[in-house]
Every structure is written in structure tokens, then in C-alpha cells.
Amino acid sequence: MVGIILISILILVAIFADYLVPNDPYEMNLWENNRPPEWFGADSQYILGTDDMGRCVLSRIIMGTRISLLIASIATFTSLILGVSFGAMAGYLGGKFDTFIMRLMDVILSFPAILLAIAIVASLGPGVVNAMIAIAIVRIPQMARITRSMVISLKETEYVQAARALGASHFRIVFKHILINSFAPILVVASLGLGTAIVVEAALSFLGLGAQPPMISWGRTLAMARQSIRSAPHLSLYPGLAIVFTVLGFNLLGDGLRDIFDPSLKNN
């Protein structure tokens, strides 16, 4: 329940960000730079203070929600489609194809996710699209492995054998009879993966490889605040908290979905 509430709030903030920002997130006012939050004596116009360029911190965090969630969502959806496809084919066909696909997944998993994403974006060039490609690639193995395991466990069941005996095509058997019954664990892994995608996106943007100016993302906001971390710690505190609560929300959502789809865990 807590995870659903947190994610619902974030989605609403991302959708209505243009109407929720108290100030123009792009407007610079050097006379008001590095102002502390309101409860530390700042003007009430800036609830969370201003950055080194005099821009409203709260407004930039709100606008950053849209970019960060968009990148993470598209990347996770892409990895879901590709990972499920690879995993389903590997598990259903078996043999050398299964061996090749799973060894490829093992190679990807052998690298830390953030390090591999940095290497991919460094090769392709900085930008939002390339960041989404990199995040999707590092998330594919998790999707493929869980899908493969589900397909292997279900492909010899009686209802699949009956469908095969009735002359159903391999495509129909996989997508109508096997994957439809593998939806629950795949959905749980995807929801947990959104939290990882948020962290990787923030890391890429922090290093200047993700969202580029004038785009606003939480990672980019943290990068711009690192020069003032001693004199104005609020500049890095609030974007960091936004990332923490977002990842927490997706993790709680994933745990909740797992409890719903697995009654034995819920009872325990």
C-alpha cells in the first residue's frame, strides 16, 4: 500500500509538473543564489531554497521527476519486451539457442550495471536516448532469466501438451498458454527493476552522460550541486531524497505485488 501511494504521487507529480511548480525552474536570479530553505530563514517564495544560479530547488525537483521517471519507465519497458522475448525463445526452444542466449546474458551480468551502462553511453555518446538504451541493455538479463525459468517449468504441463496436440502453433503456445501464466513473477521483477533504472539514470546524468541541459533530472541536479555541498548542502539533499523515496516506492511496490501473487509469502 505504501509503495502504491508513493508511486501514485510521483506519477501525478510527473504528469502535472507544469502546474505544480511554484516558480519557473529555468529562471535564473543571481541575486537570490544559494538561498537556504524557508525554515532556515529564506524568502517564502523558495520553499526549498535556490541553487547557485538562483533557480528554485523545489521547482527543479518537481520537473526532474518527469524526466527521471520517463527515462526509467521507457528503458524498463524496452528491457521487459526484449528480455521476455529472449527468455521465452531460449526456454521453449532449448538446445544450442538456449545455451547461446544464456551465456550472452551471463556476460552482461558479469559487469556491474552502472559500470556497463557508463561504458555503453560513453561509446554511443551522451543523451537521453542513449541512456535509455544503456539502461535497457543492463536490465535485459534479469527479465530473460526469470522468463526462461518460467517457460521451462510450464512448457511440459498438461494444458501445453494439449494445445500442442490440437495443432496450436509455437507462437500461440508460448504467448497464449505459457507467458500468460508467467505474468506475475515477470511483473514483480519489472517493478523492482524500475528502482534500479532510476539509480542508473541518476548516475549517468550525474556524470553528464544522461539528460543534457536544459533538461532537468535528479542526477543532473545532484551534479550541479556537488560544488556547493559544504556551503549549501540542501542543493544535494533534496534531489537525493527524491531518488531515495522513488527507489523505496518501487521496491515496496515490488514486494507488495510478490505478496499478492504468492499467497504463501503473504501468510508468512
Protein backbone atom coordinates (compact mmCIF):
# COMPACT_ATOMS: atom_id res chain seq x y z
CA MET A 1 0.00 0.00 0.00
CA VAL A 2 2.79 2.45 0.90
CA GLY A 3 4.59 1.68 -2.35
CA ILE A 4 1.43 2.26 -4.39
CA ILE A 5 0.84 5.59 -2.66
CA LEU A 6 4.41 6.78 -3.23
CA ILE A 7 4.45 5.77 -6.89
CA SER A 8 0.98 7.23 -7.49
CA ILE A 9 2.11 10.56 -6.05
CA LEU A 10 5.24 10.55 -8.21
CA ILE A 11 3.26 9.76 -11.36
CA LEU A 12 0.82 12.59 -10.63
CA VAL A 13 3.71 14.97 -9.97
CA ALA A 14 5.33 13.97 -13.26
CA ILE A 15 2.10 14.44 -15.22
CA PHE A 16 1.11 17.76 -13.68
CA ALA A 17 4.62 19.12 -13.09
CA ASP A 18 3.95 22.23 -15.19
CA TYR A 19 1.10 23.20 -12.86
CA LEU A 20 2.74 22.21 -9.57
CA VAL A 21 5.99 24.18 -9.82
CA PRO A 22 5.84 27.27 -7.57
CA ASN A 23 8.41 29.11 -9.72
CA ASP A 24 9.93 28.88 -13.18
CA PRO A 25 12.55 26.11 -12.82
CA TYR A 26 14.66 27.64 -15.62
CA GLU A 27 14.59 31.25 -14.41
CA MET A 28 17.96 32.41 -13.06
CA ASN A 29 18.35 35.13 -10.44
CA LEU A 30 21.94 35.57 -9.28
CA TRP A 31 20.78 37.95 -6.56
CA GLU A 32 18.98 35.03 -4.90
CA ASN A 33 21.57 32.28 -5.40
CA ASN A 34 22.21 29.63 -2.73
CA ARG A 35 19.38 30.78 -0.51
CA PRO A 36 18.63 28.24 2.26
CA PRO A 37 15.22 26.56 2.62
CA GLU A 38 12.32 28.55 4.01
CA TRP A 39 12.62 27.09 7.52
CA PHE A 40 16.24 28.30 7.67
CA GLY A 41 15.32 31.91 7.03
CA ALA A 42 14.87 32.03 3.27
CA ASP A 43 12.17 34.00 1.48
CA SER A 44 8.85 32.14 1.42
CA GLN A 45 8.96 32.30 -2.38
CA TYR A 46 11.56 29.49 -2.31
CA ILE A 47 10.39 26.69 -0.02
CA LEU A 48 13.49 24.54 -0.54
CA GLY A 49 15.84 27.42 -1.32
CA THR A 50 17.70 28.20 -4.54
CA ASP A 51 20.75 26.78 -6.32
CA ASP A 52 23.97 28.56 -7.28
CA MET A 53 22.22 30.15 -10.27
CA GLY A 54 19.30 31.41 -8.22
CA ARG A 55 16.83 28.82 -9.53
CA CYS A 56 14.09 27.34 -7.34
CA VAL A 57 15.21 23.95 -5.99
CA LEU A 58 11.67 22.67 -5.41
CA SER A 59 10.60 23.56 -8.95
CA ARG A 60 13.61 21.78 -10.42
CA ILE A 61 12.98 18.65 -8.34
CA ILE A 62 9.35 18.59 -9.48
CA MET A 63 10.32 19.00 -13.14
CA GLY A 64 13.10 16.44 -12.72
CA THR A 65 10.51 13.86 -11.68
CA ARG A 66 9.14 13.80 -15.23
CA ILE A 67 12.47 13.18 -16.98
CA SER A 68 13.77 10.66 -14.44
CA LEU A 69 10.58 8.60 -14.43
CA LEU A 70 10.23 8.80 -18.21
CA ILE A 71 13.75 7.52 -18.87
CA ALA A 72 13.43 4.74 -16.28
CA SER A 73 9.97 3.67 -17.49
CA ILE A 74 10.83 3.53 -21.20
CA ALA A 75 14.10 1.72 -20.51
CA THR A 76 12.40 -0.81 -18.24
CA PHE A 77 9.58 -1.41 -20.74
CA THR A 78 12.13 -1.95 -23.52
CA SER A 79 14.11 -4.40 -21.40
CA LEU A 80 10.85 -6.14 -20.50
CA ILE A 81 9.90 -6.71 -24.15
CA LEU A 82 13.38 -7.85 -25.22
CA GLY A 83 14.12 -9.86 -22.09
CA VAL A 84 10.81 -11.71 -22.19
CA SER A 85 11.28 -12.45 -25.90
CA PHE A 86 14.81 -13.79 -25.48
CA GLY A 87 13.94 -15.74 -22.34
CA ALA A 88 10.82 -17.28 -23.86
CA MET A 89 12.65 -18.41 -27.00
CA ALA A 90 15.58 -19.77 -25.01
CA GLY A 91 13.37 -21.69 -22.60
CA TYR A 92 10.99 -23.05 -25.23
CA LEU A 93 13.48 -23.97 -27.96
CA GLY A 94 16.29 -25.14 -25.68
CA GLY A 95 19.44 -26.67 -27.12
CA LYS A 96 22.21 -24.55 -28.59
CA PHE A 97 20.00 -21.49 -28.89
CA ASP A 98 19.25 -21.61 -25.17
CA THR A 99 22.94 -22.04 -24.38
CA PHE A 100 23.95 -19.12 -26.61
CA ILE A 101 21.32 -16.73 -25.22
CA MET A 102 22.00 -17.56 -21.59
CA ARG A 103 25.79 -17.31 -21.98
CA LEU A 104 25.23 -13.88 -23.54
CA MET A 105 23.07 -12.91 -20.55
CA ASP A 106 25.80 -14.19 -18.20
CA VAL A 107 28.36 -11.97 -19.94
CA ILE A 108 26.15 -8.92 -19.43
CA LEU A 109 25.53 -9.85 -15.79
CA SER A 110 29.26 -10.24 -15.16
CA PHE A 111 29.63 -6.44 -15.29
CA PRO A 112 28.24 -4.09 -12.64
CA ALA A 113 25.10 -2.46 -14.04
CA ILE A 114 26.22 1.14 -13.62
CA LEU A 115 29.72 0.46 -14.99
CA LEU A 116 28.32 -1.29 -18.08
CA ALA A 117 25.77 1.50 -18.64
CA ILE A 118 28.54 4.10 -18.44
CA ALA A 119 30.61 2.17 -20.98
CA ILE A 120 27.67 1.88 -23.38
CA VAL A 121 26.73 5.56 -23.21
CA ALA A 122 30.38 6.58 -23.48
CA SER A 123 30.53 4.58 -26.72
CA LEU A 124 27.23 5.83 -28.14
CA GLY A 125 27.51 9.40 -26.90
CA PRO A 126 25.70 11.29 -24.12
CA GLY A 127 21.98 11.87 -24.35
CA VAL A 128 18.60 10.69 -23.12
CA VAL A 129 18.02 8.13 -25.89
CA ASN A 130 21.43 6.51 -25.44
CA ALA A 131 20.92 6.47 -21.67
CA MET A 132 17.64 4.60 -22.16
CA ILE A 133 19.37 2.12 -24.48
CA ALA A 134 22.11 1.51 -21.91
CA ILE A 135 19.68 1.03 -19.03
CA ALA A 136 17.57 -1.34 -21.12
CA ILE A 137 20.60 -3.45 -22.03
CA VAL A 138 21.75 -3.88 -18.43
CA ARG A 139 18.21 -4.86 -17.36
CA ILE A 140 17.55 -7.44 -20.11
CA PRO A 141 19.31 -10.40 -18.38
CA GLN A 142 17.08 -10.28 -15.29
CA MET A 143 13.96 -10.34 -17.45
CA ALA A 144 15.33 -13.10 -19.68
CA ARG A 145 16.38 -15.38 -16.82
CA ILE A 146 13.07 -15.22 -14.92
CA THR A 147 11.11 -15.73 -18.17
CA ARG A 148 13.26 -18.68 -19.21
CA SER A 149 12.82 -20.39 -15.85
CA MET A 150 9.05 -19.95 -16.01
CA VAL A 151 8.86 -21.23 -19.59
CA ILE A 152 10.93 -24.32 -18.75
CA SER A 153 8.70 -25.10 -15.77
CA LEU A 154 5.48 -24.70 -17.78
CA LYS A 155 6.23 -25.99 -21.26
CA GLU A 156 5.68 -29.65 -20.31
CA THR A 157 2.46 -29.10 -18.36
CA GLU A 158 -0.72 -30.89 -19.42
CA TYR A 159 -2.52 -27.87 -20.86
CA VAL A 160 0.51 -27.00 -23.00
CA GLN A 161 0.73 -30.60 -24.20
CA ALA A 162 -2.98 -30.49 -25.02
CA ALA A 163 -2.56 -27.28 -27.01
CA ARG A 164 0.34 -28.84 -28.89
CA ALA A 165 -1.72 -31.95 -29.64
CA LEU A 166 -4.52 -29.77 -31.03
CA GLY A 167 -2.07 -28.30 -33.53
CA ALA A 168 -1.51 -24.89 -31.94
CA SER A 169 1.48 -23.00 -33.34
CA HIS A 170 4.60 -22.48 -31.26
CA PHE A 171 3.87 -18.74 -31.16
CA ARG A 172 0.37 -19.34 -29.81
CA ILE A 173 1.57 -21.85 -27.25
CA VAL A 174 4.29 -19.55 -25.92
CA PHE A 175 2.28 -16.34 -25.75
CA LYS A 176 -1.23 -17.62 -25.02
CA HIS A 177 -0.55 -20.59 -22.77
CA ILE A 178 2.89 -20.10 -21.20
CA LEU A 179 3.67 -16.39 -20.87
CA ILE A 180 0.16 -15.55 -19.71
CA ASN A 181 0.78 -17.82 -16.72
CA SER A 182 4.24 -16.31 -16.13
CA PHE A 183 2.95 -12.75 -15.85
CA ALA A 184 3.09 -12.47 -12.05
CA PRO A 185 6.83 -13.04 -11.41
CA ILE A 186 7.77 -11.05 -14.52
CA LEU A 187 5.72 -8.09 -13.29
CA VAL A 188 7.40 -8.25 -9.87
CA VAL A 189 10.88 -8.25 -11.43
CA ALA A 190 9.91 -5.35 -13.71
CA SER A 191 8.61 -3.24 -10.83
CA LEU A 192 11.77 -3.87 -8.80
CA GLY A 193 13.82 -3.08 -11.90
CA LEU A 194 12.30 0.39 -12.11
CA GLY A 195 14.10 1.31 -8.90
CA THR A 196 17.41 0.13 -10.36
CA ALA A 197 16.70 2.08 -13.54
CA ILE A 198 16.15 5.27 -11.52
CA VAL A 199 19.53 4.83 -9.81
CA VAL A 200 21.38 4.09 -13.06
CA GLU A 201 19.74 7.07 -14.79
CA ALA A 202 20.73 9.34 -11.91
CA ALA A 203 24.32 8.06 -12.09
CA LEU A 204 24.51 8.65 -15.85
CA SER A 205 23.05 12.14 -15.58
CA PHE A 206 25.35 12.92 -12.66
CA LEU A 207 28.33 12.08 -14.88
CA GLY A 208 26.95 14.17 -17.74
CA LEU A 209 26.05 11.13 -19.86
CA GLY A 210 22.27 11.22 -19.42
CA ALA A 211 19.93 14.19 -19.57
CA GLN A 212 21.64 17.22 -21.08
CA PRO A 213 20.93 20.90 -20.35
CA PRO A 214 18.39 22.43 -20.41
CA MET A 215 16.70 19.15 -19.42
CA ILE A 216 16.26 18.72 -15.68
CA SER A 217 16.80 15.37 -13.99
CA TRP A 218 17.61 14.46 -10.41
CA GLY A 219 21.06 13.17 -11.32
CA ARG A 220 21.86 16.35 -13.24
CA THR A 221 20.67 18.43 -10.28
CA LEU A 222 22.98 16.49 -7.96
CA ALA A 223 25.90 17.02 -10.32
CA MET A 224 25.40 20.78 -10.33
CA ALA A 225 25.15 20.81 -6.53
CA ARG A 226 28.40 18.99 -5.79
CA GLN A 227 30.47 22.20 -5.92
CA SER A 228 28.37 23.70 -3.12
CA ILE A 229 27.91 20.64 -0.94
CA ARG A 230 29.62 22.30 2.05
CA SER A 231 28.22 25.81 1.76
CA ALA A 232 24.73 24.79 0.55
CA PRO A 233 24.07 21.13 1.45
CA HIS A 234 20.35 21.49 0.71
CA LEU A 235 21.14 21.56 -3.01
CA SER A 236 22.16 17.89 -2.95
CA LEU A 237 20.00 16.77 -0.01
CA TYR A 238 16.57 17.16 -1.60
CA PRO A 239 17.31 15.63 -5.02
CA GLY A 240 18.97 12.75 -3.18
CA LEU A 241 15.88 12.26 -1.02
CA ALA A 242 13.72 12.27 -4.15
CA ILE A 243 15.79 9.41 -5.58
CA VAL A 244 15.72 7.50 -2.27
CA PHE A 245 11.95 7.71 -1.86
CA THR A 246 11.33 6.82 -5.51
CA VAL A 247 13.51 3.71 -5.30
CA LEU A 248 11.90 2.83 -1.97
CA GLY A 249 8.46 3.19 -3.53
CA PHE A 250 9.25 0.84 -6.41
CA ASN A 251 10.84 -1.70 -4.06
CA LEU A 252 7.81 -1.64 -1.77
CA LEU A 253 5.56 -1.95 -4.81
CA GLY A 254 7.51 -4.99 -6.00
CA ASP A 255 7.34 -6.61 -2.56
CA GLY A 256 3.62 -5.92 -2.38
CA LEU A 257 3.00 -7.45 -5.80
CA ARG A 258 5.03 -10.51 -4.81
CA ASP A 259 2.90 -10.95 -1.69
CA ILE A 260 -0.29 -10.61 -3.74
CA PHE A 261 0.76 -13.14 -6.38
CA ASP A 262 2.28 -15.57 -3.86
CA PRO A 263 -0.24 -16.19 -1.03
CA SER A 264 2.25 -18.37 0.88
CA LEU A 265 4.57 -15.36 1.36
CA LYS A 266 1.65 -13.20 2.44
CA ASN A 267 0.62 -15.73 5.09
CA ASN A 268 4.17 -15.97 6.39
